[in-house]
Amino acid sequence: MVIECLVLGAGQEVGKSCVVVSIGGKSIMCDCGMHIGYLDERRYPDFSLISESGDFDNALTCIIITHFHLDHVGDLPYFTEVCGYRGPVYMIR
């Protein structure tokens, strides 16, 4: 079974933690954070790598938020309200 990891943010820095793990036909986004050091597009993960068409509901099985620091959850409102993701979001407390 092949496991693929797509790093959308925080690959080489602290901030905007966001990784999509694909396995067995499922794609799970782990975290949806923001980088608090920027005020421009560098603040957000590169969501275009998930779906160029913007159809995130069909591209992702779900989102899992690991914990509630801004660099892990701060971009979730942008992803749901502006980008239009309507799929399930699970959060660990």
PDB file of N, CA and C in Angstrom:
ATOM      1  N   MET A   1       0.842  -1.165   0.000  1.00  0.00           N
ATOM      2  CA  MET A   1       0.000   0.000   0.000  1.00  0.00           C
ATOM      3  C   MET A   1       0.900   1.246   0.000  1.00  0.00           C
ATOM      4  N   VAL A   2       0.584   2.193  -0.837  1.00  0.00           N
ATOM      5  CA  VAL A   2       1.370   3.408  -0.974  1.00  0.00           C
ATOM      6  C   VAL A   2       0.791   4.506  -0.070  1.00  0.00           C
ATOM      7  N   ILE A   3       1.659   5.185   0.646  1.00  0.00           N
ATOM      8  CA  ILE A   3       1.281   6.333   1.455  1.00  0.00           C
ATOM      9  C   ILE A   3       1.950   7.556   0.852  1.00  0.00           C
ATOM     10  N   GLU A   4       1.156   8.582   0.540  1.00  0.00           N
ATOM     11  CA  GLU A   4       1.693   9.824  -0.007  1.00  0.00           C
ATOM     12  C   GLU A   4       1.481  10.957   0.985  1.00  0.00           C
ATOM     13  N   CYS A   5       2.478  11.828   1.099  1.00  0.00           N
ATOM     14  CA  CYS A   5       2.398  13.002   1.963  1.00  0.00           C
ATOM     15  C   CYS A   5       2.587  14.241   1.106  1.00  0.00           C
ATOM     16  N   LEU A   6       1.661  15.168   1.204  1.00  0.00           N
ATOM     17  CA  LEU A   6       1.736  16.435   0.490  1.00  0.00           C
ATOM     18  C   LEU A   6       1.818  17.544   1.526  1.00  0.00           C
ATOM     19  N   VAL A   7       2.971  18.178   1.627  1.00  0.00           N
ATOM     20  CA  VAL A   7       3.181  19.221   2.625  1.00  0.00           C
ATOM     21  C   VAL A   7       2.732  20.555   2.030  1.00  0.00           C
ATOM     22  N   LEU A   8       1.719  21.159   2.642  1.00  0.00           N
ATOM     23  CA  LEU A   8       1.177  22.435   2.160  1.00  0.00           C
ATOM     24  C   LEU A   8       1.706  23.617   2.957  1.00  0.00           C
ATOM     25  N   GLY A   9       2.281  23.354   4.105  1.00  0.00           N
ATOM     26  CA  GLY A   9       2.830  24.408   4.948  1.00  0.00           C
ATOM     27  C   GLY A   9       3.653  23.793   6.061  1.00  0.00           C
ATOM     28  N   ALA A  10       4.553  24.581   6.619  1.00  0.00           N
ATOM     29  CA  ALA A  10       5.410  24.192   7.740  1.00  0.00           C
ATOM     30  C   ALA A  10       6.419  23.114   7.376  1.00  0.00           C
ATOM     31  N   GLY A  11       6.722  22.966   6.114  1.00  0.00           N
ATOM     32  CA  GLY A  11       7.696  21.964   5.707  1.00  0.00           C
ATOM     33  C   GLY A  11       9.104  22.265   6.192  1.00  0.00           C
ATOM     34  N   GLN A  12       9.462  23.555   6.229  1.00  0.00           N
ATOM     35  CA  GLN A  12      10.802  23.928   6.653  1.00  0.00           C
ATOM     36  C   GLN A  12      10.780  25.080   7.646  1.00  0.00           C
ATOM     37  N   GLU A  13       9.641  25.304   8.287  1.00  0.00           N
ATOM     38  CA  GLU A  13       9.518  26.408   9.224  1.00  0.00           C
ATOM     39  C   GLU A  13       8.385  26.127  10.204  1.00  0.00           C
ATOM     40  N   VAL A  14       8.334  26.896  11.272  1.00  0.00           N
ATOM     41  CA  VAL A  14       7.224  26.815  12.213  1.00  0.00           C
ATOM     42  C   VAL A  14       6.134  27.742  11.700  1.00  0.00           C
ATOM     43  N   GLY A  15       4.926  27.251  11.640  1.00  0.00           N
ATOM     44  CA  GLY A  15       3.799  28.057  11.172  1.00  0.00           C
ATOM     45  C   GLY A  15       3.112  27.407  10.000  1.00  0.00           C
ATOM     46  N   LYS A  16       1.825  27.637   9.876  1.00  0.00           N
ATOM     47  CA  LYS A  16       0.912  27.117   8.852  1.00  0.00           C
ATOM     48  C   LYS A  16       1.040  25.611   8.648  1.00  0.00           C
ATOM     49  N   SER A  17       1.018  24.877   9.736  1.00  0.00           N
ATOM     50  CA  SER A  17       1.088  23.428   9.671  1.00  0.00           C
ATOM     51  C   SER A  17      -0.094  22.882   8.876  1.00  0.00           C
ATOM     52  N   CYS A  18       0.212  22.131   7.820  1.00  0.00           N
ATOM     53  CA  CYS A  18      -0.847  21.576   6.976  1.00  0.00           C
ATOM     54  C   CYS A  18      -0.240  20.498   6.078  1.00  0.00           C
ATOM     55  N   VAL A  19      -0.661  19.250   6.280  1.00  0.00           N
ATOM     56  CA  VAL A  19      -0.157  18.121   5.506  1.00  0.00           C
ATOM     57  C   VAL A  19      -1.340  17.265   5.081  1.00  0.00           C
ATOM     58  N   VAL A  20      -1.354  16.849   3.821  1.00  0.00           N
ATOM     59  CA  VAL A  20      -2.374  15.924   3.338  1.00  0.00           C
ATOM     60  C   VAL A  20      -1.728  14.555   3.174  1.00  0.00           C
ATOM     61  N   VAL A  21      -2.275  13.565   3.888  1.00  0.00           N
ATOM     62  CA  VAL A  21      -1.796  12.190   3.817  1.00  0.00           C
ATOM     63  C   VAL A  21      -2.822  11.381   3.033  1.00  0.00           C
ATOM     64  N   SER A  22      -2.357  10.706   1.984  1.00  0.00           N
ATOM     65  CA  SER A  22      -3.244   9.885   1.146  1.00  0.00           C
ATOM     66  C   SER A  22      -2.840   8.422   1.273  1.00  0.00           C
ATOM     67  N   ILE A  23      -3.833   7.591   1.562  1.00  0.00           N
ATOM     68  CA  ILE A  23      -3.608   6.148   1.706  1.00  0.00           C
ATOM     69  C   ILE A  23      -4.919   5.419   1.431  1.00  0.00           C
ATOM     70  N   GLY A  24      -4.858   4.377   0.654  1.00  0.00           N
ATOM     71  CA  GLY A  24      -6.037   3.549   0.397  1.00  0.00           C
ATOM     72  C   GLY A  24      -7.210   4.313  -0.172  1.00  0.00           C
ATOM     73  N   GLY A  25      -6.976   5.280  -1.026  1.00  0.00           N
ATOM     74  CA  GLY A  25      -8.058   6.039  -1.644  1.00  0.00           C
ATOM     75  C   GLY A  25      -8.636   7.151  -0.781  1.00  0.00           C
ATOM     76  N   LYS A  26      -8.087   7.348   0.390  1.00  0.00           N
ATOM     77  CA  LYS A  26      -8.526   8.416   1.297  1.00  0.00           C
ATOM     78  C   LYS A  26      -7.460   9.499   1.365  1.00  0.00           C
ATOM     79  N   SER A  27      -7.882  10.749   1.437  1.00  0.00           N
ATOM     80  CA  SER A  27      -6.965  11.877   1.602  1.00  0.00           C
ATOM     81  C   SER A  27      -7.378  12.657   2.839  1.00  0.00           C
ATOM     82  N   ILE A  28      -6.495  12.700   3.815  1.00  0.00           N
ATOM     83  CA  ILE A  28      -6.792  13.321   5.097  1.00  0.00           C
ATOM     84  C   ILE A  28      -5.860  14.502   5.310  1.00  0.00           C
ATOM     85  N   MET A  29      -6.454  15.671   5.538  1.00  0.00           N
ATOM     86  CA  MET A  29      -5.650  16.848   5.854  1.00  0.00           C
ATOM     87  C   MET A  29      -5.414  16.878   7.354  1.00  0.00           C
ATOM     88  N   CYS A  30      -4.154  16.921   7.738  1.00  0.00           N
ATOM     89  CA  CYS A  30      -3.791  17.037   9.147  1.00  0.00           C
ATOM     90  C   CYS A  30      -3.412  18.480   9.413  1.00  0.00           C
ATOM     91  N   ASP A  31      -4.219  19.141  10.181  1.00  0.00           N
ATOM     92  CA  ASP A  31      -4.056  20.547  10.568  1.00  0.00           C
ATOM     93  C   ASP A  31      -4.325  21.495   9.394  1.00  0.00           C
ATOM     94  N   CYS A  32      -4.636  22.711   9.751  1.00  0.00           N
ATOM     95  CA  CYS A  32      -4.940  23.767   8.779  1.00  0.00           C
ATOM     96  C   CYS A  32      -4.549  25.096   9.433  1.00  0.00           C
ATOM     97  N   GLY A  33      -3.245  25.262   9.598  1.00  0.00           N
ATOM     98  CA  GLY A  33      -2.749  26.390  10.372  1.00  0.00           C
ATOM     99  C   GLY A  33      -2.364  27.601   9.549  1.00  0.00           C
ATOM    100  N   MET A  34      -2.077  28.687  10.265  1.00  0.00           N
ATOM    101  CA  MET A  34      -1.623  29.925   9.627  1.00  0.00           C
ATOM    102  C   MET A  34      -0.241  30.278  10.140  1.00  0.00           C
ATOM    103  N   HIS A  35       0.472  31.055   9.346  1.00  0.00           N
ATOM    104  CA  HIS A  35       1.784  31.570   9.770  1.00  0.00           C
ATOM    105  C   HIS A  35       1.551  32.972  10.297  1.00  0.00           C
ATOM    106  N   ILE A  36       1.762  33.181  11.581  1.00  0.00           N
ATOM    107  CA  ILE A  36       1.431  34.476  12.181  1.00  0.00           C
ATOM    108  C   ILE A  36       2.464  35.552  11.877  1.00  0.00           C
ATOM    109  N   GLY A  37       3.555  35.182  11.215  1.00  0.00           N
ATOM    110  CA  GLY A  37       4.597  36.150  10.902  1.00  0.00           C
ATOM    111  C   GLY A  37       4.382  36.902   9.595  1.00  0.00           C
ATOM    112  N   TYR A  38       3.362  36.511   8.822  1.00  0.00           N
ATOM    113  CA  TYR A  38       3.099  37.141   7.527  1.00  0.00           C
ATOM    114  C   TYR A  38       1.678  37.693   7.470  1.00  0.00           C
ATOM    115  N   LEU A  39       1.476  38.724   6.682  1.00  0.00           N
ATOM    116  CA  LEU A  39       0.139  39.292   6.486  1.00  0.00           C
ATOM    117  C   LEU A  39      -0.334  39.126   5.045  1.00  0.00           C
ATOM    118  N   ASP A  40       0.468  38.498   4.191  1.00  0.00           N
ATOM    119  CA  ASP A  40       0.095  38.301   2.791  1.00  0.00           C
ATOM    120  C   ASP A  40      -0.199  36.819   2.542  1.00  0.00           C
ATOM    121  N   GLU A  41      -0.168  36.383   1.279  1.00  0.00           N
ATOM    122  CA  GLU A  41      -0.519  35.006   0.928  1.00  0.00           C
ATOM    123  C   GLU A  41       0.408  33.963   1.547  1.00  0.00           C
ATOM    124  N   ARG A  42       1.568  34.363   2.021  1.00  0.00           N
ATOM    125  CA  ARG A  42       2.472  33.421   2.698  1.00  0.00           C
ATOM    126  C   ARG A  42       1.903  32.956   4.036  1.00  0.00           C
ATOM    127  N   ARG A  43       0.890  33.630   4.512  1.00  0.00           N
ATOM    128  CA  ARG A  43       0.240  33.251   5.765  1.00  0.00           C
ATOM    129  C   ARG A  43      -0.514  31.927   5.637  1.00  0.00           C
ATOM    130  N   TYR A  44      -0.953  31.597   4.424  1.00  0.00           N
ATOM    131  CA  TYR A  44      -1.835  30.447   4.212  1.00  0.00           C
ATOM    132  C   TYR A  44      -1.096  29.269   3.571  1.00  0.00           C
ATOM    133  N   PRO A  45      -1.520  28.034   3.881  1.00  0.00           N
ATOM    134  CA  PRO A  45      -1.014  26.877   3.153  1.00  0.00           C
ATOM    135  C   PRO A  45      -1.395  26.983   1.674  1.00  0.00           C
ATOM    136  N   ASP A  46      -0.674  26.304   0.822  1.00  0.00           N
ATOM    137  CA  ASP A  46      -0.942  26.351  -0.626  1.00  0.00           C
ATOM    138  C   ASP A  46      -2.021  25.335  -0.976  1.00  0.00           C
ATOM    139  N   PHE A  47      -3.279  25.738  -0.826  1.00  0.00           N
ATOM    140  CA  PHE A  47      -4.398  24.834  -1.065  1.00  0.00           C
ATOM    141  C   PHE A  47      -4.546  24.437  -2.526  1.00  0.00           C
ATOM    142  N   SER A  48      -3.968  25.189  -3.449  1.00  0.00           N
ATOM    143  CA  SER A  48      -4.082  24.848  -4.871  1.00  0.00           C
ATOM    144  C   SER A  48      -3.406  23.510  -5.172  1.00  0.00           C
ATOM    145  N   LEU A  49      -2.499  23.055  -4.309  1.00  0.00           N
ATOM    146  CA  LEU A  49      -1.853  21.765  -4.515  1.00  0.00           C
ATOM    147  C   LEU A  49      -2.803  20.595  -4.259  1.00  0.00           C
ATOM    148  N   ILE A  50      -3.888  20.846  -3.528  1.00  0.00           N
ATOM    149  CA  ILE A  50      -4.892  19.806  -3.270  1.00  0.00           C
ATOM    150  C   ILE A  50      -5.798  19.658  -4.484  1.00  0.00           C
ATOM    151  N   SER A  51      -6.307  20.788  -4.968  1.00  0.00           N
ATOM    152  CA  SER A  51      -7.244  20.783  -6.086  1.00  0.00           C
ATOM    153  C   SER A  51      -7.147  22.119  -6.813  1.00  0.00           C
ATOM    154  N   GLU A  52      -6.712  22.073  -8.051  1.00  0.00           N
ATOM    155  CA  GLU A  52      -6.624  23.311  -8.841  1.00  0.00           C
ATOM    156  C   GLU A  52      -8.005  23.889  -9.120  1.00  0.00           C
ATOM    157  N   SER A  53      -9.017  23.023  -9.190  1.00  0.00           N
ATOM    158  CA  SER A  53     -10.373  23.485  -9.482  1.00  0.00           C
ATOM    159  C   SER A  53     -11.072  24.056  -8.253  1.00  0.00           C
ATOM    160  N   GLY A  54     -10.507  23.822  -7.068  1.00  0.00           N
ATOM    161  CA  GLY A  54     -11.137  24.309  -5.843  1.00  0.00           C
ATOM    162  C   GLY A  54     -12.197  23.374  -5.294  1.00  0.00           C
ATOM    163  N   ASP A  55     -12.302  22.162  -5.845  1.00  0.00           N
ATOM    164  CA  ASP A  55     -13.283  21.186  -5.366  1.00  0.00           C
ATOM    165  C   ASP A  55     -12.680  20.394  -4.209  1.00  0.00           C
ATOM    166  N   PHE A  56     -12.615  21.030  -3.048  1.00  0.00           N
ATOM    167  CA  PHE A  56     -11.962  20.420  -1.895  1.00  0.00           C
ATOM    168  C   PHE A  56     -12.807  19.331  -1.255  1.00  0.00           C
ATOM    169  N   ASP A  57     -14.131  19.403  -1.393  1.00  0.00           N
ATOM    170  CA  ASP A  57     -15.005  18.395  -0.792  1.00  0.00           C
ATOM    171  C   ASP A  57     -14.762  17.018  -1.405  1.00  0.00           C
ATOM    172  N   ASN A  58     -14.496  16.962  -2.699  1.00  0.00           N
ATOM    173  CA  ASN A  58     -14.210  15.674  -3.346  1.00  0.00           C
ATOM    174  C   ASN A  58     -12.743  15.291  -3.252  1.00  0.00           C
ATOM    175  N   ALA A  59     -11.865  16.250  -3.029  1.00  0.00           N
ATOM    176  CA  ALA A  59     -10.434  15.975  -2.954  1.00  0.00           C
ATOM    177  C   ALA A  59     -10.025  15.453  -1.574  1.00  0.00           C
ATOM    178  N   LEU A  60     -10.762  15.830  -0.523  1.00  0.00           N
ATOM    179  CA  LEU A  60     -10.401  15.443   0.847  1.00  0.00           C
ATOM    180  C   LEU A  60     -11.468  14.556   1.470  1.00  0.00           C
ATOM    181  N   THR A  61     -11.030  13.562   2.213  1.00  0.00           N
ATOM    182  CA  THR A  61     -11.947  12.714   2.969  1.00  0.00           C
ATOM    183  C   THR A  61     -12.378  13.418   4.248  1.00  0.00           C
ATOM    184  N   CYS A  62     -11.424  14.079   4.911  1.00  0.00           N
ATOM    185  CA  CYS A  62     -11.716  14.810   6.139  1.00  0.00           C
ATOM    186  C   CYS A  62     -10.508  15.651   6.537  1.00  0.00           C
ATOM    187  N   ILE A  63     -10.697  16.462   7.566  1.00  0.00           N
ATOM    188  CA  ILE A  63      -9.611  17.216   8.181  1.00  0.00           C
ATOM    189  C   ILE A  63      -9.521  16.779   9.638  1.00  0.00           C
ATOM    190  N   ILE A  64      -8.296  16.577  10.107  1.00  0.00           N
ATOM    191  CA  ILE A  64      -8.058  16.279  11.520  1.00  0.00           C
ATOM    192  C   ILE A  64      -7.184  17.396  12.083  1.00  0.00           C
ATOM    193  N   ILE A  65      -7.674  18.070  13.115  1.00  0.00           N
ATOM    194  CA  ILE A  65      -6.913  19.110  13.799  1.00  0.00           C
ATOM    195  C   ILE A  65      -6.281  18.475  15.030  1.00  0.00           C
ATOM    196  N   THR A  66      -4.953  18.547  15.122  1.00  0.00           N
ATOM    197  CA  THR A  66      -4.257  17.856  16.208  1.00  0.00           C
ATOM    198  C   THR A  66      -4.302  18.614  17.522  1.00  0.00           C
ATOM    199  N   HIS A  67      -4.247  19.951  17.473  1.00  0.00           N
ATOM    200  CA  HIS A  67      -4.365  20.756  18.690  1.00  0.00           C
ATOM    201  C   HIS A  67      -4.621  22.212  18.299  1.00  0.00           C
ATOM    202  N   PHE A  68      -4.921  23.040  19.296  1.00  0.00           N
ATOM    203  CA  PHE A  68      -5.485  24.350  19.027  1.00  0.00           C
ATOM    204  C   PHE A  68      -4.510  25.502  19.190  1.00  0.00           C
ATOM    205  N   HIS A  69      -3.350  25.399  18.583  1.00  0.00           N
ATOM    206  CA  HIS A  69      -2.469  26.556  18.445  1.00  0.00           C
ATOM    207  C   HIS A  69      -2.738  27.150  17.067  1.00  0.00           C
ATOM    208  N   LEU A  70      -2.600  28.459  16.926  1.00  0.00           N
ATOM    209  CA  LEU A  70      -2.908  29.115  15.649  1.00  0.00           C
ATOM    210  C   LEU A  70      -2.130  28.536  14.477  1.00  0.00           C
ATOM    211  N   ASP A  71      -0.908  28.097  14.710  1.00  0.00           N
ATOM    212  CA  ASP A  71      -0.127  27.548  13.602  1.00  0.00           C
ATOM    213  C   ASP A  71      -0.636  26.170  13.156  1.00  0.00           C
ATOM    214  N   HIS A  72      -1.635  25.617  13.868  1.00  0.00           N
ATOM    215  CA  HIS A  72      -2.231  24.337  13.490  1.00  0.00           C
ATOM    216  C   HIS A  72      -3.716  24.445  13.127  1.00  0.00           C
ATOM    217  N   VAL A  73      -4.406  25.482  13.592  1.00  0.00           N
ATOM    218  CA  VAL A  73      -5.855  25.578  13.352  1.00  0.00           C
ATOM    219  C   VAL A  73      -6.286  26.950  12.831  1.00  0.00           C
ATOM    220  N   GLY A  74      -5.390  27.916  12.815  1.00  0.00           N
ATOM    221  CA  GLY A  74      -5.761  29.304  12.521  1.00  0.00           C
ATOM    222  C   GLY A  74      -6.323  29.564  11.138  1.00  0.00           C
ATOM    223  N   ASP A  75      -6.064  28.694  10.172  1.00  0.00           N
ATOM    224  CA  ASP A  75      -6.559  28.915   8.814  1.00  0.00           C
ATOM    225  C   ASP A  75      -7.822  28.118   8.502  1.00  0.00           C
ATOM    226  N   LEU A  76      -8.310  27.354   9.474  1.00  0.00           N
ATOM    227  CA  LEU A  76      -9.519  26.562   9.236  1.00  0.00           C
ATOM    228  C   LEU A  76     -10.723  27.421   8.857  1.00  0.00           C
ATOM    229  N   PRO A  77     -10.979  28.559   9.504  1.00  0.00           N
ATOM    230  CA  PRO A  77     -12.110  29.397   9.070  1.00  0.00           C
ATOM    231  C   PRO A  77     -11.964  29.887   7.622  1.00  0.00           C
ATOM    232  N   TYR A  78     -10.760  30.203   7.197  1.00  0.00           N
ATOM    233  CA  TYR A  78     -10.525  30.616   5.813  1.00  0.00           C
ATOM    234  C   TYR A  78     -10.834  29.462   4.857  1.00  0.00           C
ATOM    235  N   PHE A  79     -10.377  28.265   5.216  1.00  0.00           N
ATOM    236  CA  PHE A  79     -10.573  27.108   4.343  1.00  0.00           C
ATOM    237  C   PHE A  79     -12.047  26.733   4.223  1.00  0.00           C
ATOM    238  N   THR A  80     -12.806  26.863   5.302  1.00  0.00           N
ATOM    239  CA  THR A  80     -14.227  26.509   5.243  1.00  0.00           C
ATOM    240  C   THR A  80     -15.081  27.636   4.665  1.00  0.00           C
ATOM    241  N   GLU A  81     -14.826  28.865   5.060  1.00  0.00           N
ATOM    242  CA  GLU A  81     -15.699  29.968   4.659  1.00  0.00           C
ATOM    243  C   GLU A  81     -15.327  30.596   3.315  1.00  0.00           C
ATOM    244  N   VAL A  82     -14.047  30.751   3.032  1.00  0.00           N
ATOM    245  CA  VAL A  82     -13.615  31.380   1.781  1.00  0.00           C
ATOM    246  C   VAL A  82     -13.389  30.339   0.686  1.00  0.00           C
ATOM    247  N   CYS A  83     -12.694  29.257   1.029  1.00  0.00           N
ATOM    248  CA  CYS A  83     -12.420  28.213   0.039  1.00  0.00           C
ATOM    249  C   CYS A  83     -13.611  27.281  -0.165  1.00  0.00           C
ATOM    250  N   GLY A  84     -14.525  27.228   0.795  1.00  0.00           N
ATOM    251  CA  GLY A  84     -15.770  26.483   0.620  1.00  0.00           C
ATOM    252  C   GLY A  84     -15.747  25.022   1.021  1.00  0.00           C
ATOM    253  N   TYR A  85     -14.762  24.579   1.772  1.00  0.00           N
ATOM    254  CA  TYR A  85     -14.751  23.184   2.216  1.00  0.00           C
ATOM    255  C   TYR A  85     -15.921  22.930   3.155  1.00  0.00           C
ATOM    256  N   ARG A  86     -16.691  21.866   2.890  1.00  0.00           N
ATOM    257  CA  ARG A  86     -17.870  21.523   3.699  1.00  0.00           C
ATOM    258  C   ARG A  86     -17.813  20.116   4.273  1.00  0.00           C
ATOM    259  N   GLY A  87     -16.676  19.451   4.128  1.00  0.00           N
ATOM    260  CA  GLY A  87     -16.548  18.073   4.611  1.00  0.00           C
ATOM    261  C   GLY A  87     -16.344  17.996   6.106  1.00  0.00           C
ATOM    262  N   PRO A  88     -16.166  16.788   6.617  1.00  0.00           N
ATOM    263  CA  PRO A  88     -16.008  16.605   8.072  1.00  0.00           C
ATOM    264  C   PRO A  88     -14.681  17.144   8.591  1.00  0.00           C
ATOM    265  N   VAL A  89     -14.750  17.681   9.807  1.00  0.00           N
ATOM    266  CA  VAL A  89     -13.570  18.178  10.518  1.00  0.00           C
ATOM    267  C   VAL A  89     -13.583  17.524  11.900  1.00  0.00           C
ATOM    268  N   TYR A  90     -12.504  16.823  12.225  1.00  0.00           N
ATOM    269  CA  TYR A  90     -12.388  16.173  13.522  1.00  0.00           C
ATOM    270  C   TYR A  90     -11.302  16.879  14.309  1.00  0.00           C
ATOM    271  N   MET A  91     -11.536  17.019  15.610  1.00  0.00           N
ATOM    272  CA  MET A  91     -10.585  17.736  16.458  1.00  0.00           C
ATOM    273  C   MET A  91     -10.273  16.902  17.687  1.00  0.00           C
ATOM    274  N   ILE A  92      -9.018  16.890  18.034  1.00  0.00           N
ATOM    275  CA  ILE A  92      -8.554  16.164  19.197  1.00  0.00           C
ATOM    276  C   ILE A  92      -8.427  17.138  20.341  1.00  0.00           C
ATOM    277  N   ARG A  93      -8.961  16.809  21.496  1.00  0.00           N
ATOM    278  CA  ARG A  93      -8.846  17.732  22.622  1.00  0.00           C
ATOM    279  C   ARG A  93      -7.849  17.268  23.626  1.00  0.00           C
TER     280      ARG A  93
END
